Amino acid sequence: MEYINAFWVGGLICALVQILLDRTKLMPGRIMVLLVCTGAVLGILGIYEPIQEYAGAGASVPLTGFGNLLWQGVRKAVDEEGVIGIFLGGFQASAAGIAGALIFGYLASLIFEPKMKE
């Protein structure tokens, strides 16, 4: 059942994003920023945590999950470090994921020989 919940929640998030792409004139970069900010705001309001517990990776993998992760890091760092935690928390919470994406992206580029689009 966990896989089904992850699938439909993640699919719903992706479908809503696709509707935004198709029906509005928003650029993809702005929609990505909107998703990250939405995840952070839902985290602040305490709404995203129950969704993430219910859907697992279906809620933590999309960009809304990244926004929530940044919020969780900032909240923890502010509790421990004070005001300076506003600037440190997001970096500390997301460092492993960002580093992994860079490393695996680089390794994939070595294996598959990327080409420029024409």
PDB file of N, CA and C in Angstrom:
ATOM      1  N   MET A   1       0.825  -1.199   0.000  1.00  0.00           N
ATOM      2  CA  MET A   1       0.000   0.000   0.000  1.00  0.00           C
ATOM      3  C   MET A   1       0.867   1.260   0.000  1.00  0.00           C
ATOM      4  N   GLU A   2       2.072   1.171   0.601  1.00  0.00           N
ATOM      5  CA  GLU A   2       2.963   2.336   0.616  1.00  0.00           C
ATOM      6  C   GLU A   2       3.331   2.768  -0.795  1.00  0.00           C
ATOM      7  N   TYR A   3       3.562   1.793  -1.671  1.00  0.00           N
ATOM      8  CA  TYR A   3       3.931   2.116  -3.046  1.00  0.00           C
ATOM      9  C   TYR A   3       2.775   2.782  -3.785  1.00  0.00           C
ATOM     10  N   ILE A   4       1.584   2.324  -3.541  1.00  0.00           N
ATOM     11  CA  ILE A   4       0.408   2.905  -4.201  1.00  0.00           C
ATOM     12  C   ILE A   4       0.208   4.343  -3.738  1.00  0.00           C
ATOM     13  N   ASN A   5       0.338   4.579  -2.429  1.00  0.00           N
ATOM     14  CA  ASN A   5       0.187   5.941  -1.905  1.00  0.00           C
ATOM     15  C   ASN A   5       1.270   6.862  -2.455  1.00  0.00           C
ATOM     16  N   ALA A   6       2.504   6.367  -2.518  1.00  0.00           N
ATOM     17  CA  ALA A   6       3.590   7.174  -3.076  1.00  0.00           C
ATOM     18  C   ALA A   6       3.314   7.489  -4.545  1.00  0.00           C
ATOM     19  N   PHE A   7       2.820   6.500  -5.270  1.00  0.00           N
ATOM     20  CA  PHE A   7       2.559   6.678  -6.697  1.00  0.00           C
ATOM     21  C   PHE A   7       1.468   7.708  -6.946  1.00  0.00           C
ATOM     22  N   TRP A   8       0.343   7.604  -6.243  1.00  0.00           N
ATOM     23  CA  TRP A   8      -0.750   8.517  -6.571  1.00  0.00           C
ATOM     24  C   TRP A   8      -0.496   9.926  -6.059  1.00  0.00           C
ATOM     25  N   VAL A   9       0.177  10.076  -4.910  1.00  0.00           N
ATOM     26  CA  VAL A   9       0.469  11.432  -4.416  1.00  0.00           C
ATOM     27  C   VAL A   9       1.520  12.100  -5.293  1.00  0.00           C
ATOM     28  N   GLY A  10       2.592  11.372  -5.607  1.00  0.00           N
ATOM     29  CA  GLY A  10       3.605  11.920  -6.506  1.00  0.00           C
ATOM     30  C   GLY A  10       3.033  12.211  -7.877  1.00  0.00           C
ATOM     31  N   GLY A  11       2.169  11.324  -8.369  1.00  0.00           N
ATOM     32  CA  GLY A  11       1.524  11.551  -9.657  1.00  0.00           C
ATOM     33  C   GLY A  11       0.607  12.754  -9.646  1.00  0.00           C
ATOM     34  N   LEU A  12      -0.085  12.970  -8.538  1.00  0.00           N
ATOM     35  CA  LEU A  12      -0.963  14.131  -8.418  1.00  0.00           C
ATOM     36  C   LEU A  12      -0.145  15.426  -8.450  1.00  0.00           C
ATOM     37  N   ILE A  13       0.968  15.437  -7.727  1.00  0.00           N
ATOM     38  CA  ILE A  13       1.841  16.624  -7.739  1.00  0.00           C
ATOM     39  C   ILE A  13       2.328  16.889  -9.157  1.00  0.00           C
ATOM     40  N   CYS A  14       2.788  15.846  -9.843  1.00  0.00           N
ATOM     41  CA  CYS A  14       3.287  16.005 -11.209  1.00  0.00           C
ATOM     42  C   CYS A  14       2.173  16.427 -12.168  1.00  0.00           C
ATOM     43  N   ALA A  15       0.972  15.895 -11.996  1.00  0.00           N
ATOM     44  CA  ALA A  15      -0.144  16.273 -12.857  1.00  0.00           C
ATOM     45  C   ALA A  15      -0.512  17.740 -12.660  1.00  0.00           C
ATOM     46  N   LEU A  16      -0.513  18.208 -11.418  1.00  0.00           N
ATOM     47  CA  LEU A  16      -0.800  19.621 -11.157  1.00  0.00           C
ATOM     48  C   LEU A  16       0.254  20.523 -11.794  1.00  0.00           C
ATOM     49  N   VAL A  17       1.510  20.094 -11.726  1.00  0.00           N
ATOM     50  CA  VAL A  17       2.584  20.878 -12.356  1.00  0.00           C
ATOM     51  C   VAL A  17       2.399  20.887 -13.873  1.00  0.00           C
ATOM     52  N   GLN A  18       2.034  19.753 -14.440  1.00  0.00           N
ATOM     53  CA  GLN A  18       1.815  19.700 -15.890  1.00  0.00           C
ATOM     54  C   GLN A  18       0.668  20.605 -16.304  1.00  0.00           C
ATOM     55  N   ILE A  19      -0.380  20.662 -15.492  1.00  0.00           N
ATOM     56  CA  ILE A  19      -1.488  21.571 -15.782  1.00  0.00           C
ATOM     57  C   ILE A  19      -1.012  23.015 -15.745  1.00  0.00           C
ATOM     58  N   LEU A  20      -0.175  23.348 -14.760  1.00  0.00           N
ATOM     59  CA  LEU A  20       0.389  24.705 -14.702  1.00  0.00           C
ATOM     60  C   LEU A  20       1.209  25.012 -15.949  1.00  0.00           C
ATOM     61  N   LEU A  21       2.006  24.050 -16.386  1.00  0.00           N
ATOM     62  CA  LEU A  21       2.814  24.261 -17.584  1.00  0.00           C
ATOM     63  C   LEU A  21       1.948  24.466 -18.824  1.00  0.00           C
ATOM     64  N   ASP A  22       0.887  23.685 -18.936  1.00  0.00           N
ATOM     65  CA  ASP A  22       0.046  23.730 -20.136  1.00  0.00           C
ATOM     66  C   ASP A  22      -0.919  24.905 -20.156  1.00  0.00           C
ATOM     67  N   ARG A  23      -1.446  25.288 -19.018  1.00  0.00           N
ATOM     68  CA  ARG A  23      -2.543  26.263 -18.976  1.00  0.00           C
ATOM     69  C   ARG A  23      -2.119  27.692 -18.624  1.00  0.00           C
ATOM     70  N   THR A  24      -0.882  27.874 -18.194  1.00  0.00           N
ATOM     71  CA  THR A  24      -0.434  29.222 -17.838  1.00  0.00           C
ATOM     72  C   THR A  24       0.770  29.602 -18.698  1.00  0.00           C
ATOM     73  N   LYS A  25       1.152  30.837 -18.596  1.00  0.00           N
ATOM     74  CA  LYS A  25       2.327  31.309 -19.326  1.00  0.00           C
ATOM     75  C   LYS A  25       3.564  31.337 -18.421  1.00  0.00           C
ATOM     76  N   LEU A  26       3.475  30.646 -17.282  1.00  0.00           N
ATOM     77  CA  LEU A  26       4.614  30.597 -16.376  1.00  0.00           C
ATOM     78  C   LEU A  26       5.740  29.781 -16.992  1.00  0.00           C
ATOM     79  N   MET A  27       6.947  30.275 -16.859  1.00  0.00           N
ATOM     80  CA  MET A  27       8.119  29.566 -17.357  1.00  0.00           C
ATOM     81  C   MET A  27       8.439  28.412 -16.406  1.00  0.00           C
ATOM     82  N   PRO A  28       9.059  27.349 -16.904  1.00  0.00           N
ATOM     83  CA  PRO A  28       9.373  26.194 -16.050  1.00  0.00           C
ATOM     84  C   PRO A  28      10.194  26.547 -14.807  1.00  0.00           C
ATOM     85  N   GLY A  29      11.130  27.466 -14.944  1.00  0.00           N
ATOM     86  CA  GLY A  29      11.923  27.867 -13.787  1.00  0.00           C
ATOM     87  C   GLY A  29      11.079  28.495 -12.691  1.00  0.00           C
ATOM     88  N   ARG A  30      10.113  29.284 -13.081  1.00  0.00           N
ATOM     89  CA  ARG A  30       9.222  29.917 -12.092  1.00  0.00           C
ATOM     90  C   ARG A  30       8.328  28.883 -11.419  1.00  0.00           C
ATOM     91  N   ILE A  31       7.902  27.886 -12.178  1.00  0.00           N
ATOM     92  CA  ILE A  31       7.086  26.826 -11.585  1.00  0.00           C
ATOM     93  C   ILE A  31       7.925  26.021 -10.587  1.00  0.00           C
ATOM     94  N   MET A  32       9.189  25.790 -10.904  1.00  0.00           N
ATOM     95  CA  MET A  32      10.065  25.081  -9.978  1.00  0.00           C
ATOM     96  C   MET A  32      10.231  25.865  -8.675  1.00  0.00           C
ATOM     97  N   VAL A  33      10.429  27.171  -8.789  1.00  0.00           N
ATOM     98  CA  VAL A  33      10.535  28.012  -7.596  1.00  0.00           C
ATOM     99  C   VAL A  33       9.227  27.993  -6.817  1.00  0.00           C
ATOM    100  N   LEU A  34       8.112  28.018  -7.519  1.00  0.00           N
ATOM    101  CA  LEU A  34       6.803  27.941  -6.878  1.00  0.00           C
ATOM    102  C   LEU A  34       6.650  26.644  -6.092  1.00  0.00           C
ATOM    103  N   LEU A  35       7.114  25.531  -6.648  1.00  0.00           N
ATOM    104  CA  LEU A  35       7.037  24.253  -5.954  1.00  0.00           C
ATOM    105  C   LEU A  35       7.880  24.239  -4.685  1.00  0.00           C
ATOM    106  N   VAL A  36       9.102  24.744  -4.779  1.00  0.00           N
ATOM    107  CA  VAL A  36       9.975  24.776  -3.598  1.00  0.00           C
ATOM    108  C   VAL A  36       9.362  25.659  -2.513  1.00  0.00           C
ATOM    109  N   CYS A  37       8.875  26.823  -2.902  1.00  0.00           N
ATOM    110  CA  CYS A  37       8.255  27.728  -1.928  1.00  0.00           C
ATOM    111  C   CYS A  37       6.983  27.128  -1.336  1.00  0.00           C
ATOM    112  N   THR A  38       6.211  26.432  -2.158  1.00  0.00           N
ATOM    113  CA  THR A  38       4.987  25.790  -1.665  1.00  0.00           C
ATOM    114  C   THR A  38       5.323  24.728  -0.630  1.00  0.00           C
ATOM    115  N   GLY A  39       6.360  23.932  -0.893  1.00  0.00           N
ATOM    116  CA  GLY A  39       6.786  22.925   0.076  1.00  0.00           C
ATOM    117  C   GLY A  39       7.231  23.544   1.384  1.00  0.00           C
ATOM    118  N   ALA A  40       7.950  24.668   1.298  1.00  0.00           N
ATOM    119  CA  ALA A  40       8.397  25.345   2.513  1.00  0.00           C
ATOM    120  C   ALA A  40       7.211  25.912   3.295  1.00  0.00           C
ATOM    121  N   VAL A  41       6.275  26.541   2.593  1.00  0.00           N
ATOM    122  CA  VAL A  41       5.106  27.123   3.271  1.00  0.00           C
ATOM    123  C   VAL A  41       4.248  26.028   3.898  1.00  0.00           C
ATOM    124  N   LEU A  42       4.042  24.928   3.177  1.00  0.00           N
ATOM    125  CA  LEU A  42       3.274  23.824   3.755  1.00  0.00           C
ATOM    126  C   LEU A  42       3.991  23.222   4.962  1.00  0.00           C
ATOM    127  N   GLY A  43       5.329  23.234   4.939  1.00  0.00           N
ATOM    128  CA  GLY A  43       6.093  22.779   6.096  1.00  0.00           C
ATOM    129  C   GLY A  43       5.927  23.717   7.282  1.00  0.00           C
ATOM    130  N   ILE A  44       5.954  25.004   7.021  1.00  0.00           N
ATOM    131  CA  ILE A  44       5.778  26.000   8.081  1.00  0.00           C
ATOM    132  C   ILE A  44       4.397  25.836   8.730  1.00  0.00           C
ATOM    133  N   LEU A  45       3.390  25.579   7.902  1.00  0.00           N
ATOM    134  CA  LEU A  45       2.026  25.440   8.414  1.00  0.00           C
ATOM    135  C   LEU A  45       1.768  24.077   9.062  1.00  0.00           C
ATOM    136  N   GLY A  46       2.732  23.166   8.952  1.00  0.00           N
ATOM    137  CA  GLY A  46       2.588  21.841   9.542  1.00  0.00           C
ATOM    138  C   GLY A  46       1.732  20.891   8.715  1.00  0.00           C
ATOM    139  N   ILE A  47       1.522  21.220   7.456  1.00  0.00           N
ATOM    140  CA  ILE A  47       0.685  20.398   6.588  1.00  0.00           C
ATOM    141  C   ILE A  47       1.512  19.349   5.851  1.00  0.00           C
ATOM    142  N   TYR A  48       2.744  19.670   5.498  1.00  0.00           N
ATOM    143  CA  TYR A  48       3.522  18.782   4.634  1.00  0.00           C
ATOM    144  C   TYR A  48       4.013  17.524   5.349  1.00  0.00           C
ATOM    145  N   GLU A  49       4.295  17.622   6.631  1.00  0.00           N
ATOM    146  CA  GLU A  49       4.781  16.457   7.385  1.00  0.00           C
ATOM    147  C   GLU A  49       3.799  15.278   7.361  1.00  0.00           C
ATOM    148  N   PRO A  50       2.502  15.491   7.635  1.00  0.00           N
ATOM    149  CA  PRO A  50       1.572  14.359   7.530  1.00  0.00           C
ATOM    150  C   PRO A  50       1.459  13.811   6.108  1.00  0.00           C
ATOM    151  N   ILE A  51       1.534  14.685   5.105  1.00  0.00           N
ATOM    152  CA  ILE A  51       1.490  14.217   3.721  1.00  0.00           C
ATOM    153  C   ILE A  51       2.703  13.343   3.429  1.00  0.00           C
ATOM    154  N   GLN A  52       3.850  13.774   3.914  1.00  0.00           N
ATOM    155  CA  GLN A  52       5.079  13.019   3.681  1.00  0.00           C
ATOM    156  C   GLN A  52       5.073  11.683   4.422  1.00  0.00           C
ATOM    157  N   GLU A  53       4.510  11.644   5.600  1.00  0.00           N
ATOM    158  CA  GLU A  53       4.388  10.375   6.321  1.00  0.00           C
ATOM    159  C   GLU A  53       3.453   9.422   5.595  1.00  0.00           C
ATOM    160  N   TYR A  54       2.395   9.943   4.995  1.00  0.00           N
ATOM    161  CA  TYR A  54       1.427   9.126   4.289  1.00  0.00           C
ATOM    162  C   TYR A  54       1.983   8.629   2.948  1.00  0.00           C
ATOM    163  N   ALA A  55       2.625   9.535   2.194  1.00  0.00           N
ATOM    164  CA  ALA A  55       3.021   9.210   0.825  1.00  0.00           C
ATOM    165  C   ALA A  55       4.483   8.810   0.688  1.00  0.00           C
ATOM    166  N   GLY A  56       5.290   9.014   1.688  1.00  0.00           N
ATOM    167  CA  GLY A  56       6.698   8.636   1.600  1.00  0.00           C
ATOM    168  C   GLY A  56       7.412   9.361   0.475  1.00  0.00           C
ATOM    169  N   ALA A  57       8.059   8.585  -0.415  1.00  0.00           N
ATOM    170  CA  ALA A  57       8.833   9.166  -1.509  1.00  0.00           C
ATOM    171  C   ALA A  57       7.959   9.918  -2.507  1.00  0.00           C
ATOM    172  N   GLY A  58       6.675   9.622  -2.559  1.00  0.00           N
ATOM    173  CA  GLY A  58       5.784  10.353  -3.450  1.00  0.00           C
ATOM    174  C   GLY A  58       5.667  11.815  -3.085  1.00  0.00           C
ATOM    175  N   ALA A  59       5.959  12.145  -1.827  1.00  0.00           N
ATOM    176  CA  ALA A  59       5.917  13.540  -1.390  1.00  0.00           C
ATOM    177  C   ALA A  59       7.309  14.105  -1.136  1.00  0.00           C
ATOM    178  N   SER A  60       8.285  13.255  -0.840  1.00  0.00           N
ATOM    179  CA  SER A  60       9.611  13.780  -0.511  1.00  0.00           C
ATOM    180  C   SER A  60      10.499  13.973  -1.733  1.00  0.00           C
ATOM    181  N   VAL A  61      10.223  13.269  -2.834  1.00  0.00           N
ATOM    182  CA  VAL A  61      11.070  13.378  -4.019  1.00  0.00           C
ATOM    183  C   VAL A  61      10.770  14.609  -4.873  1.00  0.00           C
ATOM    184  N   PRO A  62       9.508  14.996  -5.107  1.00  0.00           N
ATOM    185  CA  PRO A  62       9.270  16.201  -5.913  1.00  0.00           C
ATOM    186  C   PRO A  62       9.855  17.459  -5.251  1.00  0.00           C
ATOM    187  N   LEU A  63       9.881  18.536  -5.995  1.00  0.00           N
ATOM    188  CA  LEU A  63      10.474  19.773  -5.489  1.00  0.00           C
ATOM    189  C   LEU A  63       9.776  20.321  -4.255  1.00  0.00           C
ATOM    190  N   THR A  64       8.524  19.987  -4.058  1.00  0.00           N
ATOM    191  CA  THR A  64       7.857  20.413  -2.827  1.00  0.00           C
ATOM    192  C   THR A  64       8.543  19.784  -1.614  1.00  0.00           C
ATOM    193  N   GLY A  65       9.016  18.561  -1.765  1.00  0.00           N
ATOM    194  CA  GLY A  65       9.761  17.898  -0.691  1.00  0.00           C
ATOM    195  C   GLY A  65      11.081  18.596  -0.417  1.00  0.00           C
ATOM    196  N   PHE A  66      11.719  19.118  -1.465  1.00  0.00           N
ATOM    197  CA  PHE A  66      12.962  19.867  -1.280  1.00  0.00           C
ATOM    198  C   PHE A  66      12.700  21.150  -0.502  1.00  0.00           C
ATOM    199  N   GLY A  67      11.616  21.821  -0.817  1.00  0.00           N
ATOM    200  CA  GLY A  67      11.263  23.032  -0.070  1.00  0.00           C
ATOM    201  C   GLY A  67      10.996  22.726   1.394  1.00  0.00           C
ATOM    202  N   ASN A  68      10.323  21.633   1.654  1.00  0.00           N
ATOM    203  CA  ASN A  68      10.066  21.231   3.034  1.00  0.00           C
ATOM    204  C   ASN A  68      11.368  20.871   3.739  1.00  0.00           C
ATOM    205  N   LEU A  69      12.280  20.191   3.034  1.00  0.00           N
ATOM    206  CA  LEU A  69      13.579  19.852   3.612  1.00  0.00           C
ATOM    207  C   LEU A  69      14.356  21.111   3.996  1.00  0.00           C
ATOM    208  N   LEU A  70      14.328  22.116   3.123  1.00  0.00           N
ATOM    209  CA  LEU A  70      14.999  23.379   3.442  1.00  0.00           C
ATOM    210  C   LEU A  70      14.397  24.009   4.695  1.00  0.00           C
ATOM    211  N   TRP A  71      13.079  24.006   4.799  1.00  0.00           N
ATOM    212  CA  TRP A  71      12.418  24.571   5.971  1.00  0.00           C
ATOM    213  C   TRP A  71      12.806  23.815   7.235  1.00  0.00           C
ATOM    214  N   GLN A  72      12.800  22.487   7.177  1.00  0.00           N
ATOM    215  CA  GLN A  72      13.162  21.693   8.352  1.00  0.00           C
ATOM    216  C   GLN A  72      14.586  22.007   8.792  1.00  0.00           C
ATOM    217  N   GLY A  73      15.500  22.146   7.827  1.00  0.00           N
ATOM    218  CA  GLY A  73      16.887  22.486   8.159  1.00  0.00           C
ATOM    219  C   GLY A  73      17.011  23.855   8.782  1.00  0.00           C
ATOM    220  N   VAL A  74      16.298  24.829   8.238  1.00  0.00           N
ATOM    221  CA  VAL A  74      16.347  26.184   8.794  1.00  0.00           C
ATOM    222  C   VAL A  74      15.779  26.198  10.202  1.00  0.00           C
ATOM    223  N   ARG A  75      14.659  25.522  10.404  1.00  0.00           N
ATOM    224  CA  ARG A  75      14.045  25.488  11.740  1.00  0.00           C
ATOM    225  C   ARG A  75      14.994  24.872  12.767  1.00  0.00           C
ATOM    226  N   LYS A  76      15.626  23.762  12.415  1.00  0.00           N
ATOM    227  CA  LYS A  76      16.549  23.095  13.332  1.00  0.00           C
ATOM    228  C   LYS A  76      17.762  23.969  13.615  1.00  0.00           C
ATOM    229  N   ALA A  77      18.317  24.589  12.569  1.00  0.00           N
ATOM    230  CA  ALA A  77      19.507  25.423  12.755  1.00  0.00           C
ATOM    231  C   ALA A  77      19.202  26.672  13.578  1.00  0.00           C
ATOM    232  N   VAL A  78      18.026  27.244  13.408  1.00  0.00           N
ATOM    233  CA  VAL A  78      17.656  28.421  14.206  1.00  0.00           C
ATOM    234  C   VAL A  78      17.528  28.031  15.671  1.00  0.00           C
ATOM    235  N   ASP A  79      16.974  26.859  15.945  1.00  0.00           N
ATOM    236  CA  ASP A  79      16.864  26.393  17.331  1.00  0.00           C
ATOM    237  C   ASP A  79      18.242  26.186  17.956  1.00  0.00           C
ATOM    238  N   GLU A  80      19.208  25.708  17.170  1.00  0.00           N
ATOM    239  CA  GLU A  80      20.531  25.406  17.705  1.00  0.00           C
ATOM    240  C   GLU A  80      21.488  26.595  17.651  1.00  0.00           C
ATOM    241  N   GLU A  81      21.467  27.354  16.547  1.00  0.00           N
ATOM    242  CA  GLU A  81      22.467  28.399  16.311  1.00  0.00           C
ATOM    243  C   GLU A  81      21.939  29.817  16.522  1.00  0.00           C
ATOM    244  N   GLY A  82      20.652  29.984  16.548  1.00  0.00           N
ATOM    245  CA  GLY A  82      20.084  31.319  16.639  1.00  0.00           C
ATOM    246  C   GLY A  82      19.811  31.872  15.249  1.00  0.00           C
ATOM    247  N   VAL A  83      19.894  33.177  15.108  1.00  0.00           N
ATOM    248  CA  VAL A  83      19.541  33.853  13.865  1.00  0.00           C
ATOM    249  C   VAL A  83      20.435  33.417  12.701  1.00  0.00           C
ATOM    250  N   ILE A  84      21.695  33.112  12.968  1.00  0.00           N
ATOM    251  CA  ILE A  84      22.605  32.689  11.898  1.00  0.00           C
ATOM    252  C   ILE A  84      22.117  31.389  11.251  1.00  0.00           C
ATOM    253  N   GLY A  85      21.289  30.625  11.949  1.00  0.00           N
ATOM    254  CA  GLY A  85      20.733  29.392  11.416  1.00  0.00           C
ATOM    255  C   GLY A  85      19.843  29.610  10.214  1.00  0.00           C
ATOM    256  N   ILE A  86      19.317  30.819  10.053  1.00  0.00           N
ATOM    257  CA  ILE A  86      18.511  31.138   8.874  1.00  0.00           C
ATOM    258  C   ILE A  86      19.341  30.933   7.617  1.00  0.00           C
ATOM    259  N   PHE A  87      20.619  31.294   7.695  1.00  0.00           N
ATOM    260  CA  PHE A  87      21.492  31.194   6.534  1.00  0.00           C
ATOM    261  C   PHE A  87      22.158  29.825   6.408  1.00  0.00           C
ATOM    262  N   LEU A  88      22.336  29.119   7.519  1.00  0.00           N
ATOM    263  CA  LEU A  88      23.051  27.844   7.507  1.00  0.00           C
ATOM    264  C   LEU A  88      22.144  26.637   7.316  1.00  0.00           C
ATOM    265  N   GLY A  89      20.957  26.674   7.841  1.00  0.00           N
ATOM    266  CA  GLY A  89      20.103  25.496   7.936  1.00  0.00           C
ATOM    267  C   GLY A  89      19.764  24.833   6.629  1.00  0.00           C
ATOM    268  N   GLY A  90      19.383  25.600   5.631  1.00  0.00           N
ATOM    269  CA  GLY A  90      19.024  25.020   4.347  1.00  0.00           C
ATOM    270  C   GLY A  90      20.190  24.321   3.689  1.00  0.00           C
ATOM    271  N   PHE A  91      21.379  24.909   3.811  1.00  0.00           N
ATOM    272  CA  PHE A  91      22.572  24.296   3.217  1.00  0.00           C
ATOM    273  C   PHE A  91      22.940  23.004   3.930  1.00  0.00           C
ATOM    274  N   GLN A  92      22.862  23.011   5.245  1.00  0.00           N
ATOM    275  CA  GLN A  92      23.216  21.812   6.001  1.00  0.00           C
ATOM    276  C   GLN A  92      22.225  20.680   5.734  1.00  0.00           C
ATOM    277  N   ALA A  93      20.962  20.984   5.628  1.00  0.00           N
ATOM    278  CA  ALA A  93      19.949  19.949   5.439  1.00  0.00           C
ATOM    279  C   ALA A  93      19.991  19.338   4.047  1.00  0.00           C
ATOM    280  N   SER A  94      20.338  20.131   3.050  1.00  0.00           N
ATOM    281  CA  SER A  94      20.272  19.641   1.673  1.00  0.00           C
ATOM    282  C   SER A  94      21.625  19.300   1.068  1.00  0.00           C
ATOM    283  N   ALA A  95      22.691  19.437   1.828  1.00  0.00           N
ATOM    284  CA  ALA A  95      24.032  19.251   1.273  1.00  0.00           C
ATOM    285  C   ALA A  95      24.247  17.849   0.717  1.00  0.00           C
ATOM    286  N   ALA A  96      23.823  16.823   1.415  1.00  0.00           N
ATOM    287  CA  ALA A  96      24.056  15.450   0.948  1.00  0.00           C
ATOM    288  C   ALA A  96      23.304  15.175  -0.353  1.00  0.00           C
ATOM    289  N   GLY A  97      22.075  15.615  -0.461  1.00  0.00           N
ATOM    290  CA  GLY A  97      21.296  15.394  -1.675  1.00  0.00           C
ATOM    291  C   GLY A  97      21.859  16.141  -2.868  1.00  0.00           C
ATOM    292  N   ILE A  98      22.271  17.382  -2.653  1.00  0.00           N
ATOM    293  CA  ILE A  98      22.831  18.165  -3.752  1.00  0.00           C
ATOM    294  C   ILE A  98      24.177  17.582  -4.188  1.00  0.00           C
ATOM    295  N   ALA A  99      25.009  17.205  -3.220  1.00  0.00           N
ATOM    296  CA  ALA A  99      26.297  16.600  -3.552  1.00  0.00           C
ATOM    297  C   ALA A  99      26.102  15.286  -4.310  1.00  0.00           C
ATOM    298  N   GLY A 100      25.140  14.473  -3.878  1.00  0.00           N
ATOM    299  CA  GLY A 100      24.855  13.223  -4.577  1.00  0.00           C
ATOM    300  C   GLY A 100      24.409  13.464  -6.007  1.00  0.00           C
ATOM    301  N   ALA A 101      23.560  14.452  -6.216  1.00  0.00           N
ATOM    302  CA  ALA A 101      23.093  14.761  -7.563  1.00  0.00           C
ATOM    303  C   ALA A 101      24.247  15.195  -8.455  1.00  0.00           C
ATOM    304  N   LEU A 102      25.147  15.995  -7.920  1.00  0.00           N
ATOM    305  CA  LEU A 102      26.303  16.439  -8.704  1.00  0.00           C
ATOM    306  C   LEU A 102      27.233  15.281  -9.026  1.00  0.00           C
ATOM    307  N   ILE A 103      27.530  14.460  -8.046  1.00  0.00           N
ATOM    308  CA  ILE A 103      28.455  13.338  -8.250  1.00  0.00           C
ATOM    309  C   ILE A 103      27.876  12.334  -9.237  1.00  0.00           C
ATOM    310  N   PHE A 104      26.629  11.925  -9.046  1.00  0.00           N
ATOM    311  CA  PHE A 104      26.029  10.943  -9.947  1.00  0.00           C
ATOM    312  C   PHE A 104      25.801  11.511 -11.340  1.00  0.00           C
ATOM    313  N   GLY A 105      25.494  12.805 -11.426  1.00  0.00           N
ATOM    314  CA  GLY A 105      25.371  13.438 -12.739  1.00  0.00           C
ATOM    315  C   GLY A 105      26.693  13.447 -13.476  1.00  0.00           C
ATOM    316  N   TYR A 106      27.768  13.725 -12.760  1.00  0.00           N
ATOM    317  CA  TYR A 106      29.106  13.708 -13.373  1.00  0.00           C
ATOM    318  C   TYR A 106      29.476  12.300 -13.829  1.00  0.00           C
ATOM    319  N   LEU A 107      29.221  11.302 -12.973  1.00  0.00           N
ATOM    320  CA  LEU A 107      29.524   9.922 -13.348  1.00  0.00           C
ATOM    321  C   LEU A 107      28.713   9.487 -14.567  1.00  0.00           C
ATOM    322  N   ALA A 108      27.461   9.880 -14.623  1.00  0.00           N
ATOM    323  CA  ALA A 108      26.628   9.544 -15.783  1.00  0.00           C
ATOM    324  C   ALA A 108      27.175  10.198 -17.047  1.00  0.00           C
ATOM    325  N   SER A 109      27.690  11.421 -16.916  1.00  0.00           N
ATOM    326  CA  SER A 109      28.250  12.086 -18.097  1.00  0.00           C
ATOM    327  C   SER A 109      29.517  11.390 -18.580  1.00  0.00           C
ATOM    328  N   LEU A 110      30.270  10.782 -17.683  1.00  0.00           N
ATOM    329  CA  LEU A 110      31.462  10.032 -18.090  1.00  0.00           C
ATOM    330  C   LEU A 110      31.081   8.730 -18.801  1.00  0.00           C
ATOM    331  N   ILE A 111      30.026   8.105 -18.367  1.00  0.00           N
ATOM    332  CA  ILE A 111      29.618   6.821 -18.928  1.00  0.00           C
ATOM    333  C   ILE A 111      28.916   6.984 -20.270  1.00  0.00           C
ATOM    334  N   PHE A 112      28.027   7.975 -20.387  1.00  0.00           N
ATOM    335  CA  PHE A 112      27.150   8.059 -21.555  1.00  0.00           C
ATOM    336  C   PHE A 112      27.552   9.106 -22.575  1.00  0.00           C
ATOM    337  N   GLU A 113      28.653   9.786 -22.441  1.00  0.00           N
ATOM    338  CA  GLU A 113      29.134  10.777 -23.410  1.00  0.00           C
ATOM    339  C   GLU A 113      28.043  11.747 -23.858  1.00  0.00           C
ATOM    340  N   PRO A 114      27.760  12.757 -23.062  1.00  0.00           N
ATOM    341  CA  PRO A 114      26.699  13.704 -23.412  1.00  0.00           C
ATOM    342  C   PRO A 114      27.033  14.477 -24.691  1.00  0.00           C
ATOM    343  N   LYS A 115      25.996  14.851 -25.425  1.00  0.00           N
ATOM    344  CA  LYS A 115      26.162  15.609 -26.671  1.00  0.00           C
ATOM    345  C   LYS A 115      25.315  16.869 -26.594  1.00  0.00           C
ATOM    346  N   MET A 116      25.757  17.897 -27.271  1.00  0.00           N
ATOM    347  CA  MET A 116      25.012  19.144 -27.329  1.00  0.00           C
ATOM    348  C   MET A 116      23.820  18.993 -28.274  1.00  0.00           C
ATOM    349  N   LYS A 117      22.714  19.643 -27.954  1.00  0.00           N
ATOM    350  CA  LYS A 117      21.565  19.648 -28.855  1.00  0.00           C
ATOM    351  C   LYS A 117      21.853  20.575 -30.017  1.00  0.00           C
ATOM    352  N   GLU A 118      21.307  20.218 -31.170  1.00  0.00           N
ATOM    353  CA  GLU A 118      21.514  21.058 -32.359  1.00  0.00           C
ATOM    354  C   GLU A 118      20.332  21.940 -32.630  1.00  0.00           C
TER     355      GLU A 118
END
